[in-house]
């Protein structure tokens, strides 16, 4: 597993030896970031250097680190598994990222307290929960209700294609891609001003 593009292109990332964590494959990440690049080119997302990222159920941190490699302003990684969090922290350290750009929270994403008022909200949210447990949408709604997401955020939800999660009424599905058993769903708030342009 490696970083696909940007400052850390080609850097190998540590990955778990067990089955507890299921990293997003290089091919899926490459396709996903091509989609995100196209959104940025159309001004449907801020440029990378202005993006604040939240990588939920982050596992190895590959998604958030890929965003940072491409110039994202900052990323917060959230992972409740101690083993996976240790690997994520190792990968952050290997990229020599300072705490103000890459910050790891070893917590249950569904138990996060309200965001502090002086903390930047996330524009881009990655959610890659364990397959088949219907944790992605509850996590998205929890983050939204507790102030973690900017008004015009974009959420990338990875699920098993056989166990998709229902889009809540507050969101609209703007893109969906299948890669083997992986389903990537891109969600935007229903009131997002960009929604008619996508």
N, C-alpha and C. Protein backbone atom coordinates (compact mmCIF):
# COMPACT_ATOMS: atom_id res chain seq x y z
N UNK A 1 0.86 -1.18 0.00
CA UNK A 1 0.00 0.00 0.00
C UNK A 1 0.89 1.23 0.00
N UNK A 2 0.59 2.18 -0.89
CA UNK A 2 1.44 3.35 -1.05
C UNK A 2 0.59 4.59 -1.29
N UNK A 3 1.22 5.75 -1.15
CA UNK A 3 0.56 7.00 -1.48
C UNK A 3 0.67 7.21 -2.99
N UNK A 4 -0.43 7.59 -3.61
CA UNK A 4 -0.53 7.60 -5.07
C UNK A 4 0.10 8.82 -5.70
N UNK A 5 -0.13 10.01 -5.12
CA UNK A 5 0.31 11.24 -5.78
C UNK A 5 0.66 12.30 -4.74
N UNK A 6 1.31 13.37 -5.22
CA UNK A 6 1.61 14.49 -4.36
C UNK A 6 2.98 14.41 -3.72
N UNK A 7 3.16 15.16 -2.65
CA UNK A 7 4.45 15.31 -1.98
C UNK A 7 5.02 13.98 -1.52
N UNK A 8 4.15 13.08 -1.06
CA UNK A 8 4.60 11.79 -0.52
C UNK A 8 4.41 10.64 -1.51
N UNK A 9 4.28 10.97 -2.77
CA UNK A 9 4.02 9.96 -3.79
C UNK A 9 5.02 8.80 -3.71
N UNK A 10 4.47 7.58 -3.73
CA UNK A 10 5.29 6.38 -3.71
C UNK A 10 5.67 5.90 -2.32
N UNK A 11 5.38 6.70 -1.30
CA UNK A 11 5.74 6.28 0.06
C UNK A 11 4.91 5.08 0.47
N UNK A 12 5.58 4.05 0.93
CA UNK A 12 4.89 2.85 1.41
C UNK A 12 4.31 3.12 2.78
N UNK A 13 3.09 2.64 3.00
CA UNK A 13 2.41 2.81 4.28
C UNK A 13 2.37 1.48 5.03
N UNK A 14 2.53 1.57 6.32
CA UNK A 14 2.40 0.38 7.15
C UNK A 14 0.95 -0.08 7.15
N UNK A 15 0.76 -1.37 7.18
CA UNK A 15 -0.59 -1.95 7.18
C UNK A 15 -0.63 -3.07 8.20
N UNK A 16 -1.81 -3.38 8.75
CA UNK A 16 -1.92 -4.43 9.77
C UNK A 16 -1.71 -5.82 9.17
N UNK A 17 -1.27 -6.72 10.00
CA UNK A 17 -1.07 -8.10 9.58
C UNK A 17 -2.31 -8.96 9.78
N UNK A 18 -3.27 -8.44 10.57
CA UNK A 18 -4.49 -9.21 10.83
C UNK A 18 -5.62 -8.69 9.95
N UNK A 19 -6.84 -9.14 10.22
CA UNK A 19 -8.00 -8.76 9.42
C UNK A 19 -8.85 -7.70 10.10
N UNK A 20 -8.35 -7.15 11.21
CA UNK A 20 -9.14 -6.17 11.95
C UNK A 20 -9.35 -4.90 11.13
N UNK A 21 -8.33 -4.50 10.37
CA UNK A 21 -8.40 -3.30 9.57
C UNK A 21 -8.36 -3.67 8.09
N UNK A 22 -9.20 -3.00 7.28
CA UNK A 22 -9.30 -3.31 5.86
C UNK A 22 -8.98 -2.04 5.07
N UNK A 23 -7.69 -1.83 4.72
CA UNK A 23 -7.32 -0.60 4.03
C UNK A 23 -7.96 -0.51 2.64
N UNK A 24 -8.29 0.73 2.25
CA UNK A 24 -8.77 0.97 0.90
C UNK A 24 -7.62 0.75 -0.07
N UNK A 25 -7.83 -0.04 -1.11
CA UNK A 25 -6.75 -0.41 -2.01
C UNK A 25 -6.25 0.80 -2.81
N UNK A 26 -5.02 0.66 -3.33
CA UNK A 26 -4.43 1.73 -4.12
C UNK A 26 -5.32 2.09 -5.31
N UNK A 27 -5.87 1.08 -5.99
CA UNK A 27 -6.68 1.33 -7.19
C UNK A 27 -7.93 2.13 -6.84
N UNK A 28 -8.60 1.76 -5.76
CA UNK A 28 -9.81 2.47 -5.36
C UNK A 28 -9.47 3.90 -4.96
N UNK A 29 -8.38 4.07 -4.20
CA UNK A 29 -7.98 5.42 -3.80
C UNK A 29 -7.63 6.29 -5.01
N UNK A 30 -6.92 5.71 -5.96
CA UNK A 30 -6.55 6.48 -7.15
C UNK A 30 -7.79 6.96 -7.90
N UNK A 31 -8.76 6.08 -8.08
CA UNK A 31 -9.99 6.47 -8.76
C UNK A 31 -10.77 7.51 -7.97
N UNK A 32 -10.84 7.32 -6.67
CA UNK A 32 -11.55 8.28 -5.82
C UNK A 32 -10.93 9.66 -5.92
N UNK A 33 -9.61 9.74 -5.83
CA UNK A 33 -8.97 11.06 -5.85
C UNK A 33 -9.02 11.69 -7.23
N UNK A 34 -9.12 10.91 -8.26
CA UNK A 34 -9.37 11.48 -9.59
C UNK A 34 -10.73 12.17 -9.62
N UNK A 35 -11.73 11.54 -8.99
CA UNK A 35 -13.06 12.15 -8.91
C UNK A 35 -12.99 13.45 -8.11
N UNK A 36 -12.30 13.42 -6.97
CA UNK A 36 -12.19 14.62 -6.14
C UNK A 36 -11.44 15.73 -6.88
N UNK A 37 -10.40 15.37 -7.61
CA UNK A 37 -9.67 16.38 -8.41
C UNK A 37 -10.60 17.05 -9.42
N UNK A 38 -11.50 16.25 -10.01
CA UNK A 38 -12.42 16.83 -11.00
C UNK A 38 -13.40 17.78 -10.33
N UNK A 39 -13.82 17.48 -9.10
CA UNK A 39 -14.69 18.39 -8.36
C UNK A 39 -13.96 19.70 -8.07
N UNK A 40 -12.69 19.60 -7.70
CA UNK A 40 -11.90 20.81 -7.41
C UNK A 40 -11.72 21.64 -8.67
N UNK A 41 -11.43 20.97 -9.79
CA UNK A 41 -11.26 21.68 -11.06
C UNK A 41 -12.52 22.46 -11.45
N UNK A 42 -13.68 21.94 -11.08
CA UNK A 42 -14.95 22.60 -11.38
C UNK A 42 -15.37 23.57 -10.29
N UNK A 43 -14.47 23.79 -9.32
CA UNK A 43 -14.75 24.68 -8.18
C UNK A 43 -15.93 24.19 -7.35
N UNK A 44 -16.14 22.88 -7.33
CA UNK A 44 -17.20 22.30 -6.52
C UNK A 44 -16.70 21.89 -5.14
N UNK A 45 -15.37 21.93 -4.98
CA UNK A 45 -14.71 21.79 -3.69
C UNK A 45 -13.63 22.87 -3.65
N UNK A 46 -13.25 23.33 -2.46
CA UNK A 46 -12.11 24.24 -2.37
C UNK A 46 -10.85 23.55 -2.89
N UNK A 47 -9.84 24.32 -3.28
CA UNK A 47 -8.56 23.71 -3.69
C UNK A 47 -7.94 22.94 -2.53
N UNK A 48 -7.06 22.01 -2.86
CA UNK A 48 -6.49 21.15 -1.82
C UNK A 48 -5.90 21.96 -0.68
N UNK A 49 -5.19 23.05 -1.00
CA UNK A 49 -4.50 23.78 0.07
C UNK A 49 -5.44 24.54 1.00
N UNK A 50 -6.73 24.55 0.66
CA UNK A 50 -7.72 25.17 1.54
C UNK A 50 -8.64 24.16 2.22
N UNK A 51 -8.44 22.89 1.90
CA UNK A 51 -9.33 21.84 2.41
C UNK A 51 -8.93 21.37 3.80
N UNK A 52 -9.94 21.26 4.65
CA UNK A 52 -9.79 20.59 5.94
C UNK A 52 -10.47 19.23 5.83
N UNK A 53 -9.76 18.18 6.23
CA UNK A 53 -10.20 16.80 6.00
C UNK A 53 -10.44 16.10 7.33
N UNK A 54 -11.47 15.26 7.37
CA UNK A 54 -11.69 14.38 8.51
C UNK A 54 -11.75 12.95 7.97
N UNK A 55 -10.87 12.10 8.47
CA UNK A 55 -10.77 10.70 8.05
C UNK A 55 -11.32 9.84 9.18
N UNK A 56 -12.61 9.47 9.07
CA UNK A 56 -13.26 8.68 10.11
C UNK A 56 -13.09 7.19 9.87
N UNK A 57 -13.06 6.41 10.94
CA UNK A 57 -12.74 4.98 10.84
C UNK A 57 -11.45 4.86 10.02
N UNK A 58 -10.43 5.63 10.39
CA UNK A 58 -9.31 5.88 9.49
C UNK A 58 -8.39 4.68 9.26
N UNK A 59 -8.39 3.71 10.17
CA UNK A 59 -7.51 2.56 9.98
C UNK A 59 -6.06 2.99 9.84
N UNK A 60 -5.44 2.70 8.71
CA UNK A 60 -4.04 3.06 8.47
C UNK A 60 -3.85 4.54 8.22
N UNK A 61 -4.93 5.26 7.95
CA UNK A 61 -4.84 6.69 7.63
C UNK A 61 -4.58 6.97 6.17
N UNK A 62 -4.69 5.96 5.31
CA UNK A 62 -4.31 6.11 3.90
C UNK A 62 -5.09 7.21 3.19
N UNK A 63 -6.39 7.34 3.45
CA UNK A 63 -7.19 8.35 2.76
C UNK A 63 -6.79 9.76 3.18
N UNK A 64 -6.71 9.98 4.47
CA UNK A 64 -6.31 11.30 4.96
C UNK A 64 -4.90 11.66 4.55
N UNK A 65 -3.99 10.70 4.57
CA UNK A 65 -2.61 10.96 4.16
C UNK A 65 -2.51 11.26 2.67
N UNK A 66 -3.33 10.58 1.88
CA UNK A 66 -3.35 10.88 0.45
C UNK A 66 -3.79 12.33 0.22
N UNK A 67 -4.80 12.77 0.97
CA UNK A 67 -5.26 14.16 0.87
C UNK A 67 -4.17 15.13 1.29
N UNK A 68 -3.46 14.83 2.38
CA UNK A 68 -2.37 15.70 2.83
C UNK A 68 -1.23 15.73 1.83
N UNK A 69 -0.95 14.59 1.22
CA UNK A 69 0.10 14.53 0.21
C UNK A 69 -0.22 15.46 -0.96
N UNK A 70 -1.49 15.61 -1.26
CA UNK A 70 -1.92 16.46 -2.37
C UNK A 70 -2.06 17.92 -1.95
N UNK A 71 -1.75 18.21 -0.69
CA UNK A 71 -1.71 19.58 -0.24
C UNK A 71 -2.81 20.03 0.68
N UNK A 72 -3.68 19.11 1.14
CA UNK A 72 -4.75 19.49 2.07
C UNK A 72 -4.17 20.24 3.27
N UNK A 73 -4.89 21.25 3.72
CA UNK A 73 -4.39 22.11 4.79
C UNK A 73 -4.18 21.34 6.08
N UNK A 74 -5.12 20.46 6.40
CA UNK A 74 -5.01 19.68 7.63
C UNK A 74 -5.94 18.48 7.55
N UNK A 75 -5.66 17.50 8.42
CA UNK A 75 -6.52 16.32 8.49
C UNK A 75 -6.59 15.84 9.93
N UNK A 76 -7.78 15.48 10.33
CA UNK A 76 -8.00 14.83 11.62
C UNK A 76 -8.35 13.37 11.34
N UNK A 77 -7.67 12.47 12.02
CA UNK A 77 -7.88 11.04 11.86
C UNK A 77 -8.57 10.52 13.12
N UNK A 78 -9.61 9.70 12.92
CA UNK A 78 -10.35 9.16 14.06
C UNK A 78 -10.41 7.65 13.93
N UNK A 79 -9.96 6.96 14.99
CA UNK A 79 -9.92 5.50 14.98
C UNK A 79 -10.00 5.00 16.41
N UNK A 80 -10.97 4.13 16.70
CA UNK A 80 -11.11 3.65 18.07
C UNK A 80 -10.26 2.42 18.38
N UNK A 81 -9.85 1.67 17.35
CA UNK A 81 -9.00 0.50 17.57
C UNK A 81 -7.58 0.96 17.89
N UNK A 82 -7.06 0.55 19.04
CA UNK A 82 -5.72 0.94 19.44
C UNK A 82 -4.68 0.42 18.45
N UNK A 83 -4.83 -0.81 17.98
CA UNK A 83 -3.85 -1.37 17.05
C UNK A 83 -3.81 -0.57 15.75
N UNK A 84 -4.99 -0.28 15.20
CA UNK A 84 -5.06 0.48 13.96
C UNK A 84 -4.56 1.91 14.17
N UNK A 85 -4.91 2.51 15.31
CA UNK A 85 -4.47 3.87 15.59
C UNK A 85 -2.95 3.95 15.69
N UNK A 86 -2.33 2.93 16.26
CA UNK A 86 -0.86 2.91 16.35
C UNK A 86 -0.24 2.88 14.96
N UNK A 87 -0.84 2.11 14.05
CA UNK A 87 -0.33 2.06 12.67
C UNK A 87 -0.53 3.40 11.98
N UNK A 88 -1.70 4.02 12.18
CA UNK A 88 -1.95 5.33 11.60
C UNK A 88 -0.93 6.34 12.09
N UNK A 89 -0.66 6.34 13.39
CA UNK A 89 0.32 7.28 13.94
C UNK A 89 1.70 7.03 13.37
N UNK A 90 2.04 5.78 13.15
CA UNK A 90 3.33 5.43 12.54
C UNK A 90 3.41 5.99 11.12
N UNK A 91 2.31 5.90 10.37
CA UNK A 91 2.30 6.42 9.01
C UNK A 91 2.37 7.95 8.99
N UNK A 92 1.70 8.60 9.92
CA UNK A 92 1.78 10.06 10.04
C UNK A 92 3.22 10.47 10.32
N UNK A 93 3.86 9.77 11.26
CA UNK A 93 5.24 10.09 11.61
C UNK A 93 6.18 9.86 10.44
N UNK A 94 5.93 8.81 9.65
CA UNK A 94 6.79 8.51 8.49
C UNK A 94 6.74 9.64 7.46
N UNK A 95 5.61 10.33 7.40
CA UNK A 95 5.47 11.46 6.48
C UNK A 95 5.96 12.77 7.09
N UNK A 96 6.39 12.72 8.34
CA UNK A 96 6.95 13.88 9.05
C UNK A 96 5.97 15.05 9.06
N UNK A 97 4.72 14.71 9.35
CA UNK A 97 3.67 15.73 9.39
C UNK A 97 3.54 16.29 10.81
N UNK A 98 3.51 17.60 10.96
CA UNK A 98 3.37 18.20 12.28
C UNK A 98 1.95 18.05 12.81
N UNK A 99 1.76 18.13 14.12
CA UNK A 99 0.42 17.95 14.72
C UNK A 99 -0.63 18.92 14.20
N UNK A 100 -0.21 20.13 13.81
CA UNK A 100 -1.20 21.08 13.32
C UNK A 100 -1.74 20.70 11.95
N UNK A 101 -1.08 19.80 11.25
CA UNK A 101 -1.59 19.33 9.95
C UNK A 101 -2.21 17.95 10.03
N UNK A 102 -1.75 17.12 10.94
CA UNK A 102 -2.26 15.75 11.06
C UNK A 102 -2.41 15.40 12.53
N UNK A 103 -3.67 15.22 12.93
CA UNK A 103 -3.97 14.97 14.35
C UNK A 103 -4.82 13.71 14.47
N UNK A 104 -4.39 12.79 15.31
CA UNK A 104 -5.08 11.51 15.49
C UNK A 104 -5.86 11.50 16.80
N UNK A 105 -7.13 11.12 16.72
CA UNK A 105 -7.96 10.92 17.91
C UNK A 105 -8.28 9.43 18.02
N UNK A 106 -7.87 8.82 19.13
CA UNK A 106 -8.18 7.41 19.35
C UNK A 106 -9.47 7.35 20.15
N UNK A 107 -10.58 7.48 19.43
CA UNK A 107 -11.91 7.56 20.05
C UNK A 107 -12.94 6.89 19.16
N UNK A 108 -14.07 6.60 19.75
CA UNK A 108 -15.23 6.13 18.99
C UNK A 108 -15.86 7.34 18.33
N UNK A 109 -15.95 7.33 17.02
CA UNK A 109 -16.47 8.48 16.28
C UNK A 109 -17.91 8.81 16.69
N UNK A 110 -18.65 7.79 17.11
CA UNK A 110 -20.04 8.00 17.51
C UNK A 110 -20.18 8.57 18.92
N UNK A 111 -19.05 8.72 19.61
CA UNK A 111 -19.07 9.27 20.97
C UNK A 111 -18.35 10.61 21.07
N UNK A 112 -17.99 11.20 19.93
CA UNK A 112 -17.27 12.47 19.97
C UNK A 112 -18.14 13.57 20.57
N UNK A 113 -17.56 14.41 21.42
CA UNK A 113 -18.30 15.54 21.98
C UNK A 113 -18.45 16.64 20.93
N UNK A 114 -19.28 17.65 21.18
CA UNK A 114 -19.40 18.76 20.23
C UNK A 114 -18.04 19.39 19.94
N UNK A 115 -17.85 19.81 18.70
CA UNK A 115 -16.59 20.43 18.30
C UNK A 115 -16.41 21.77 18.99
N UNK A 116 -15.19 22.04 19.44
CA UNK A 116 -14.90 23.32 20.07
C UNK A 116 -15.07 24.44 19.05
N UNK A 117 -15.54 25.58 19.49
CA UNK A 117 -15.90 26.66 18.59
C UNK A 117 -14.72 27.20 17.79
N UNK A 118 -13.51 27.12 18.34
CA UNK A 118 -12.35 27.69 17.65
C UNK A 118 -11.65 26.67 16.75
N UNK A 119 -12.28 25.52 16.50
CA UNK A 119 -11.68 24.47 15.68
C UNK A 119 -12.27 24.48 14.28
N UNK A 120 -11.40 24.31 13.27
CA UNK A 120 -11.86 24.35 11.88
C UNK A 120 -12.73 23.14 11.57
N UNK A 121 -13.82 23.39 10.86
CA UNK A 121 -14.73 22.33 10.45
C UNK A 121 -14.19 21.64 9.19
N UNK A 122 -14.60 20.39 8.98
CA UNK A 122 -14.12 19.61 7.85
C UNK A 122 -14.93 19.92 6.59
N UNK A 123 -14.22 20.09 5.48
CA UNK A 123 -14.85 20.27 4.17
C UNK A 123 -15.02 18.93 3.46
N UNK A 124 -14.10 18.01 3.73
CA UNK A 124 -14.08 16.71 3.06
C UNK A 124 -14.03 15.63 4.13
N UNK A 125 -15.00 14.74 4.09
CA UNK A 125 -15.13 13.68 5.09
C UNK A 125 -15.01 12.32 4.42
N UNK A 126 -14.08 11.50 4.92
CA UNK A 126 -13.97 10.11 4.50
C UNK A 126 -14.52 9.22 5.61
N UNK A 127 -15.41 8.31 5.25
CA UNK A 127 -15.93 7.34 6.20
C UNK A 127 -15.78 5.95 5.61
N UNK A 128 -14.99 5.11 6.26
CA UNK A 128 -14.74 3.75 5.80
C UNK A 128 -14.96 2.79 6.97
N UNK A 129 -16.22 2.65 7.40
CA UNK A 129 -16.51 1.83 8.58
C UNK A 129 -16.42 0.35 8.27
N UNK A 130 -16.39 -0.48 9.31
CA UNK A 130 -16.44 -1.94 9.08
C UNK A 130 -17.65 -2.29 8.23
N UNK A 131 -17.46 -3.18 7.30
CA UNK A 131 -18.54 -3.55 6.38
C UNK A 131 -19.70 -4.23 7.12
N UNK A 132 -20.90 -3.93 6.66
CA UNK A 132 -22.08 -4.65 7.12
C UNK A 132 -22.60 -4.28 8.49
N UNK A 133 -22.07 -3.22 9.11
CA UNK A 133 -22.50 -2.86 10.46
C UNK A 133 -23.32 -1.57 10.50
N UNK A 134 -23.55 -0.95 9.35
CA UNK A 134 -24.37 0.27 9.27
C UNK A 134 -23.91 1.35 10.25
N UNK A 135 -22.61 1.64 10.21
CA UNK A 135 -22.05 2.66 11.09
C UNK A 135 -21.76 3.97 10.37
N UNK A 136 -21.72 3.94 9.03
CA UNK A 136 -21.30 5.11 8.29
C UNK A 136 -22.27 6.27 8.39
N UNK A 137 -23.54 6.04 8.10
CA UNK A 137 -24.52 7.12 8.13
C UNK A 137 -24.72 7.64 9.56
N UNK A 138 -24.84 6.76 10.58
CA UNK A 138 -24.90 7.30 11.95
C UNK A 138 -23.69 8.18 12.29
N UNK A 139 -22.50 7.79 11.82
CA UNK A 139 -21.31 8.61 12.08
C UNK A 139 -21.42 9.96 11.37
N UNK A 140 -21.87 9.95 10.12
CA UNK A 140 -22.05 11.19 9.37
C UNK A 140 -23.02 12.13 10.09
N UNK A 141 -24.14 11.61 10.51
CA UNK A 141 -25.15 12.44 11.17
C UNK A 141 -24.65 12.94 12.53
N UNK A 142 -23.90 12.10 13.23
CA UNK A 142 -23.34 12.52 14.52
C UNK A 142 -22.36 13.67 14.32
N UNK A 143 -21.48 13.56 13.33
CA UNK A 143 -20.51 14.62 13.06
C UNK A 143 -21.21 15.91 12.66
N UNK A 144 -22.25 15.78 11.85
CA UNK A 144 -23.00 16.96 11.42
C UNK A 144 -23.69 17.64 12.61
N UNK A 145 -24.34 16.84 13.42
CA UNK A 145 -25.10 17.40 14.55
C UNK A 145 -24.19 18.01 15.61
N UNK A 146 -22.94 17.55 15.67
CA UNK A 146 -22.02 18.04 16.70
C UNK A 146 -21.02 19.07 16.15
N UNK A 147 -21.31 19.59 14.94
CA UNK A 147 -20.58 20.75 14.46
C UNK A 147 -19.24 20.50 13.79
N UNK A 148 -18.96 19.26 13.38
CA UNK A 148 -17.65 18.94 12.81
C UNK A 148 -17.54 19.25 11.33
N UNK A 149 -18.64 19.50 10.64
CA UNK A 149 -18.64 19.61 9.19
C UNK A 149 -19.02 21.01 8.73
N UNK A 150 -18.30 21.50 7.72
CA UNK A 150 -18.61 22.81 7.17
C UNK A 150 -19.96 22.77 6.45
N UNK A 151 -20.50 23.94 6.15
CA UNK A 151 -21.85 24.01 5.57
C UNK A 151 -21.94 23.29 4.23
N UNK A 152 -20.86 23.33 3.45
CA UNK A 152 -20.88 22.72 2.11
C UNK A 152 -19.85 21.59 2.02
N UNK A 153 -19.93 20.70 2.99
CA UNK A 153 -19.00 19.58 3.03
C UNK A 153 -19.39 18.50 2.03
N UNK A 154 -18.45 17.64 1.76
CA UNK A 154 -18.66 16.48 0.90
C UNK A 154 -18.23 15.24 1.68
N UNK A 155 -19.05 14.20 1.61
CA UNK A 155 -18.77 12.95 2.33
C UNK A 155 -18.55 11.81 1.34
N UNK A 156 -17.44 11.10 1.52
CA UNK A 156 -17.17 9.88 0.75
C UNK A 156 -17.37 8.70 1.69
N UNK A 157 -18.36 7.88 1.38
CA UNK A 157 -18.69 6.72 2.21
C UNK A 157 -18.32 5.44 1.47
N UNK A 158 -17.49 4.62 2.10
CA UNK A 158 -17.13 3.32 1.51
C UNK A 158 -17.89 2.21 2.24
N UNK A 159 -18.59 1.39 1.47
CA UNK A 159 -19.32 0.25 2.03
C UNK A 159 -19.12 -0.96 1.13
N UNK A 160 -19.56 -2.10 1.62
CA UNK A 160 -19.64 -3.30 0.80
C UNK A 160 -20.82 -3.11 -0.16
N UNK A 161 -20.64 -3.44 -1.43
CA UNK A 161 -21.73 -3.21 -2.39
C UNK A 161 -22.97 -4.03 -2.06
N UNK A 162 -22.80 -5.12 -1.32
CA UNK A 162 -23.95 -5.93 -0.95
C UNK A 162 -24.67 -5.38 0.28
N UNK A 163 -24.05 -4.44 0.97
CA UNK A 163 -24.65 -3.87 2.18
C UNK A 163 -24.54 -2.35 2.17
N UNK A 164 -25.16 -1.69 1.17
CA UNK A 164 -25.13 -0.23 1.15
C UNK A 164 -25.94 0.35 2.30
N UNK A 165 -25.63 1.57 2.66
CA UNK A 165 -26.38 2.25 3.71
C UNK A 165 -27.33 3.27 3.08
N UNK A 166 -28.51 3.39 3.63
CA UNK A 166 -29.53 4.27 3.08
C UNK A 166 -29.14 5.74 3.26
N UNK A 167 -29.28 6.52 2.20
CA UNK A 167 -29.00 7.94 2.26
C UNK A 167 -30.07 8.65 3.08
N UNK A 168 -29.69 9.40 4.12
CA UNK A 168 -30.69 10.09 4.93
C UNK A 168 -31.28 11.27 4.19
N UNK A 169 -32.42 11.74 4.66
CA UNK A 169 -33.11 12.83 3.99
C UNK A 169 -32.32 14.12 3.92
N UNK A 170 -31.39 14.31 4.84
CA UNK A 170 -30.61 15.54 4.86
C UNK A 170 -29.53 15.57 3.79
N UNK A 171 -29.37 14.47 3.04
CA UNK A 171 -28.30 14.35 2.05
C UNK A 171 -28.85 13.88 0.71
N UNK A 172 -28.06 14.14 -0.33
CA UNK A 172 -28.34 13.60 -1.65
C UNK A 172 -27.11 12.86 -2.15
N UNK A 173 -27.34 11.73 -2.80
CA UNK A 173 -26.25 10.97 -3.40
C UNK A 173 -25.93 11.58 -4.76
N UNK A 174 -24.70 12.06 -4.93
CA UNK A 174 -24.32 12.73 -6.17
C UNK A 174 -23.43 11.87 -7.06
N UNK A 175 -22.87 10.81 -6.54
CA UNK A 175 -22.07 9.90 -7.36
C UNK A 175 -21.98 8.58 -6.62
N UNK A 176 -21.82 7.51 -7.40
CA UNK A 176 -21.64 6.19 -6.82
C UNK A 176 -20.81 5.37 -7.78
N UNK A 177 -19.78 4.71 -7.27
CA UNK A 177 -18.91 3.87 -8.08
C UNK A 177 -18.74 2.52 -7.40
N UNK A 178 -18.62 1.48 -8.22
CA UNK A 178 -18.36 0.13 -7.73
C UNK A 178 -17.00 -0.33 -8.21
N UNK A 179 -16.21 -0.88 -7.28
CA UNK A 179 -14.90 -1.45 -7.60
C UNK A 179 -14.82 -2.81 -6.90
N UNK A 180 -15.15 -3.87 -7.65
CA UNK A 180 -15.22 -5.18 -7.00
C UNK A 180 -16.32 -5.17 -5.97
N UNK A 181 -15.97 -5.51 -4.73
CA UNK A 181 -16.99 -5.51 -3.67
C UNK A 181 -17.17 -4.14 -3.02
N UNK A 182 -16.34 -3.18 -3.42
CA UNK A 182 -16.36 -1.86 -2.79
C UNK A 182 -17.37 -0.94 -3.49
N UNK A 183 -18.18 -0.29 -2.69
CA UNK A 183 -19.10 0.74 -3.18
C UNK A 183 -18.67 2.08 -2.58
N UNK A 184 -18.36 3.04 -3.44
CA UNK A 184 -18.06 4.39 -3.00
C UNK A 184 -19.26 5.28 -3.30
N UNK A 185 -19.78 5.93 -2.28
CA UNK A 185 -20.91 6.83 -2.43
C UNK A 185 -20.48 8.23 -2.01
N UNK A 186 -20.74 9.21 -2.87
CA UNK A 186 -20.42 10.60 -2.56
C UNK A 186 -21.72 11.31 -2.21
N UNK A 187 -21.75 11.87 -1.02
CA UNK A 187 -22.95 12.51 -0.49
C UNK A 187 -22.70 13.99 -0.25
N UNK A 188 -23.72 14.78 -0.54
CA UNK A 188 -23.70 16.20 -0.26
C UNK A 188 -24.95 16.57 0.53
N UNK A 189 -24.85 17.56 1.42
CA UNK A 189 -26.06 18.03 2.10
C UNK A 189 -27.11 18.47 1.09
N UNK A 190 -28.34 18.18 1.36
CA UNK A 190 -29.42 18.51 0.42
C UNK A 190 -29.49 20.00 0.12
N UNK A 191 -29.06 20.84 1.08
CA UNK A 191 -29.14 22.29 0.88
C UNK A 191 -27.87 22.86 0.26
N UNK A 192 -26.91 21.99 -0.11
CA UNK A 192 -25.64 22.45 -0.68
C UNK A 192 -25.90 23.29 -1.93
N UNK A 193 -25.31 24.47 -1.99
CA UNK A 193 -25.52 25.38 -3.13
C UNK A 193 -24.94 24.85 -4.43
N UNK A 194 -23.98 23.92 -4.31
CA UNK A 194 -23.35 23.38 -5.50
C UNK A 194 -24.14 22.23 -6.13
N UNK A 195 -25.16 21.78 -5.43
CA UNK A 195 -25.74 20.48 -5.76
C UNK A 195 -26.28 20.42 -7.19
N UNK A 196 -26.85 21.51 -7.68
CA UNK A 196 -27.41 21.49 -9.03
C UNK A 196 -26.34 21.51 -10.11
N UNK A 197 -25.10 21.82 -9.71
CA UNK A 197 -24.02 21.91 -10.68
C UNK A 197 -23.29 20.59 -10.87
N UNK A 198 -23.50 19.66 -9.95
CA UNK A 198 -22.73 18.39 -9.99
C UNK A 198 -23.32 17.42 -10.98
